[in-house]
């Protein structure tokens, strides 16, 4: 379970950072839409994925603690 949480954290973190970078670059370029998504929606999705990554990594760390 610990290894699965680490991989979920890594994947969600990469997806989240990529979405944030795309949203920021699009907004700096003056665009309000990326494909059919608003830039703000893409930014929020990236932030949510980053939060999921943080929580999954926290679970992986907590599972390693001896009780």
N, C-alpha and C. Protein backbone atom coordinates (compact mmCIF):
# COMPACT_ATOMS: atom_id res chain seq x y z
N UNK A 1 0.82 -1.19 0.00
CA UNK A 1 0.00 0.00 0.00
C UNK A 1 0.87 1.26 0.00
N UNK A 2 1.99 1.18 0.72
CA UNK A 2 2.88 2.34 0.79
C UNK A 2 3.45 2.67 -0.58
N UNK A 3 3.84 1.65 -1.32
CA UNK A 3 4.40 1.86 -2.66
C UNK A 3 3.34 2.42 -3.61
N UNK A 4 2.11 1.94 -3.49
CA UNK A 4 1.03 2.45 -4.33
C UNK A 4 0.77 3.92 -4.04
N UNK A 5 0.77 4.30 -2.78
CA UNK A 5 0.55 5.71 -2.42
C UNK A 5 1.68 6.59 -2.95
N UNK A 6 2.91 6.08 -2.92
CA UNK A 6 4.02 6.86 -3.45
C UNK A 6 3.87 7.07 -4.96
N UNK A 7 3.45 6.03 -5.68
CA UNK A 7 3.28 6.18 -7.12
C UNK A 7 2.11 7.09 -7.46
N UNK A 8 1.04 7.02 -6.69
CA UNK A 8 -0.09 7.94 -6.89
C UNK A 8 0.38 9.37 -6.64
N UNK A 9 1.16 9.57 -5.61
CA UNK A 9 1.67 10.90 -5.29
C UNK A 9 2.56 11.43 -6.41
N UNK A 10 3.43 10.60 -6.92
CA UNK A 10 4.32 11.03 -8.00
C UNK A 10 3.55 11.39 -9.26
N UNK A 11 2.62 10.52 -9.63
CA UNK A 11 1.84 10.75 -10.85
C UNK A 11 0.95 11.98 -10.72
N UNK A 12 0.26 12.10 -9.60
CA UNK A 12 -0.61 13.26 -9.40
C UNK A 12 0.21 14.55 -9.32
N UNK A 13 1.37 14.49 -8.73
CA UNK A 13 2.23 15.65 -8.66
C UNK A 13 2.70 16.11 -10.03
N UNK A 14 3.10 15.17 -10.86
CA UNK A 14 3.53 15.53 -12.22
C UNK A 14 2.39 16.11 -13.04
N UNK A 15 1.22 15.48 -12.96
CA UNK A 15 0.06 15.97 -13.69
C UNK A 15 -0.34 17.36 -13.19
N UNK A 16 -0.32 17.53 -11.88
CA UNK A 16 -0.70 18.81 -11.30
C UNK A 16 0.24 19.93 -11.69
N UNK A 17 1.53 19.68 -11.60
CA UNK A 17 2.50 20.71 -11.97
C UNK A 17 2.40 21.03 -13.46
N UNK A 18 2.22 20.02 -14.28
CA UNK A 18 2.08 20.26 -15.72
C UNK A 18 0.85 21.11 -16.02
N UNK A 19 -0.28 20.81 -15.36
CA UNK A 19 -1.49 21.59 -15.58
C UNK A 19 -1.32 23.03 -15.12
N UNK A 20 -0.65 23.22 -14.00
CA UNK A 20 -0.41 24.58 -13.50
C UNK A 20 0.48 25.35 -14.46
N UNK A 21 1.53 24.73 -14.95
CA UNK A 21 2.44 25.40 -15.88
C UNK A 21 1.71 25.79 -17.16
N UNK A 22 0.90 24.89 -17.69
CA UNK A 22 0.14 25.20 -18.91
C UNK A 22 -0.82 26.36 -18.66
N UNK A 23 -1.50 26.35 -17.52
CA UNK A 23 -2.45 27.42 -17.21
C UNK A 23 -1.75 28.76 -17.06
N UNK A 24 -0.63 28.77 -16.38
CA UNK A 24 0.09 30.03 -16.18
C UNK A 24 0.64 30.55 -17.50
N UNK A 25 1.23 29.68 -18.30
CA UNK A 25 1.77 30.12 -19.59
C UNK A 25 0.67 30.63 -20.51
N UNK A 26 -0.48 29.97 -20.50
CA UNK A 26 -1.59 30.42 -21.33
C UNK A 26 -2.08 31.78 -20.88
N UNK A 27 -2.17 31.98 -19.59
CA UNK A 27 -2.66 33.26 -19.08
C UNK A 27 -1.66 34.38 -19.34
N UNK A 28 -0.38 34.09 -19.22
CA UNK A 28 0.65 35.09 -19.51
C UNK A 28 0.61 35.46 -20.99
N UNK A 29 0.28 34.49 -21.84
CA UNK A 29 0.19 34.75 -23.28
C UNK A 29 -1.09 35.51 -23.63
N UNK A 30 -2.01 35.68 -22.67
CA UNK A 30 -3.21 36.45 -22.92
C UNK A 30 -4.44 35.63 -23.25
N UNK A 31 -4.33 34.32 -23.15
CA UNK A 31 -5.46 33.45 -23.47
C UNK A 31 -6.32 33.21 -22.23
N UNK A 32 -7.60 33.13 -22.44
CA UNK A 32 -8.53 32.80 -21.36
C UNK A 32 -9.01 31.35 -21.48
N UNK A 33 -8.76 30.71 -22.61
CA UNK A 33 -9.20 29.34 -22.86
C UNK A 33 -8.03 28.50 -23.35
N UNK A 34 -7.98 27.26 -22.91
CA UNK A 34 -7.04 26.26 -23.42
C UNK A 34 -7.91 25.10 -23.88
N UNK A 35 -8.02 24.95 -25.18
CA UNK A 35 -8.95 23.96 -25.71
C UNK A 35 -10.36 24.38 -25.36
N UNK A 36 -11.08 23.54 -24.66
CA UNK A 36 -12.44 23.88 -24.24
C UNK A 36 -12.51 24.20 -22.74
N UNK A 37 -11.37 24.36 -22.10
CA UNK A 37 -11.33 24.66 -20.67
C UNK A 37 -10.90 26.10 -20.44
N UNK A 38 -11.53 26.73 -19.46
CA UNK A 38 -11.04 28.04 -19.06
C UNK A 38 -9.73 27.87 -18.31
N UNK A 39 -8.88 28.86 -18.39
CA UNK A 39 -7.56 28.79 -17.76
C UNK A 39 -7.70 28.65 -16.24
N UNK A 40 -8.67 29.33 -15.65
CA UNK A 40 -8.87 29.22 -14.20
C UNK A 40 -9.27 27.82 -13.78
N UNK A 41 -10.08 27.17 -14.60
CA UNK A 41 -10.48 25.79 -14.31
C UNK A 41 -9.28 24.86 -14.39
N UNK A 42 -8.45 25.06 -15.39
CA UNK A 42 -7.24 24.24 -15.53
C UNK A 42 -6.29 24.46 -14.35
N UNK A 43 -6.19 25.71 -13.91
CA UNK A 43 -5.34 26.01 -12.75
C UNK A 43 -5.88 25.33 -11.49
N UNK A 44 -7.18 25.38 -11.29
CA UNK A 44 -7.77 24.72 -10.12
C UNK A 44 -7.61 23.21 -10.18
N UNK A 45 -7.71 22.63 -11.37
CA UNK A 45 -7.49 21.19 -11.51
C UNK A 45 -6.05 20.83 -11.18
N UNK A 46 -5.12 21.66 -11.60
CA UNK A 46 -3.71 21.43 -11.27
C UNK A 46 -3.45 21.54 -9.78
N UNK A 47 -4.09 22.51 -9.15
CA UNK A 47 -3.92 22.66 -7.70
C UNK A 47 -4.54 21.47 -6.96
N UNK A 48 -5.67 20.97 -7.44
CA UNK A 48 -6.31 19.81 -6.81
C UNK A 48 -5.43 18.56 -6.97
N UNK A 49 -4.83 18.40 -8.13
CA UNK A 49 -3.95 17.25 -8.34
C UNK A 49 -2.72 17.35 -7.44
N UNK A 50 -2.20 18.55 -7.26
CA UNK A 50 -1.06 18.74 -6.38
C UNK A 50 -1.44 18.45 -4.93
N UNK A 51 -2.63 18.84 -4.53
CA UNK A 51 -3.10 18.52 -3.18
C UNK A 51 -3.25 17.01 -3.00
N UNK A 52 -3.79 16.33 -4.02
CA UNK A 52 -3.90 14.87 -3.97
C UNK A 52 -2.52 14.24 -3.81
N UNK A 53 -1.54 14.78 -4.50
CA UNK A 53 -0.17 14.26 -4.38
C UNK A 53 0.36 14.43 -2.97
N UNK A 54 0.11 15.59 -2.38
CA UNK A 54 0.57 15.83 -1.01
C UNK A 54 -0.09 14.88 -0.02
N UNK A 55 -1.39 14.68 -0.17
CA UNK A 55 -2.11 13.80 0.75
C UNK A 55 -1.69 12.34 0.57
N UNK A 56 -1.47 11.91 -0.67
CA UNK A 56 -1.04 10.53 -0.91
C UNK A 56 0.36 10.31 -0.33
N UNK A 57 1.23 11.30 -0.45
CA UNK A 57 2.56 11.16 0.12
C UNK A 57 2.51 11.16 1.65
N UNK A 58 1.60 11.94 2.20
CA UNK A 58 1.42 11.94 3.65
C UNK A 58 0.96 10.58 4.14
N UNK A 59 0.05 9.95 3.42
CA UNK A 59 -0.40 8.60 3.79
C UNK A 59 0.76 7.62 3.70
N UNK A 60 1.58 7.74 2.66
CA UNK A 60 2.73 6.84 2.54
C UNK A 60 3.70 7.04 3.69
N UNK A 61 3.90 8.27 4.11
CA UNK A 61 4.78 8.52 5.25
C UNK A 61 4.18 7.99 6.55
N UNK A 62 2.88 8.17 6.71
CA UNK A 62 2.23 7.74 7.95
C UNK A 62 2.21 6.21 8.06
N UNK A 63 2.15 5.52 6.93
CA UNK A 63 2.16 4.05 6.98
C UNK A 63 3.51 3.51 7.39
N UNK A 64 4.55 4.29 7.20
CA UNK A 64 5.88 3.83 7.55
C UNK A 64 6.21 4.00 9.03
N UNK A 65 5.38 4.72 9.76
CA UNK A 65 5.63 4.98 11.17
C UNK A 65 5.24 3.74 11.98
N UNK A 66 6.13 3.28 12.84
CA UNK A 66 5.83 2.14 13.70
C UNK A 66 4.97 2.59 14.86
N UNK A 67 3.98 1.79 15.15
CA UNK A 67 3.07 2.15 16.25
C UNK A 67 3.24 1.21 17.40
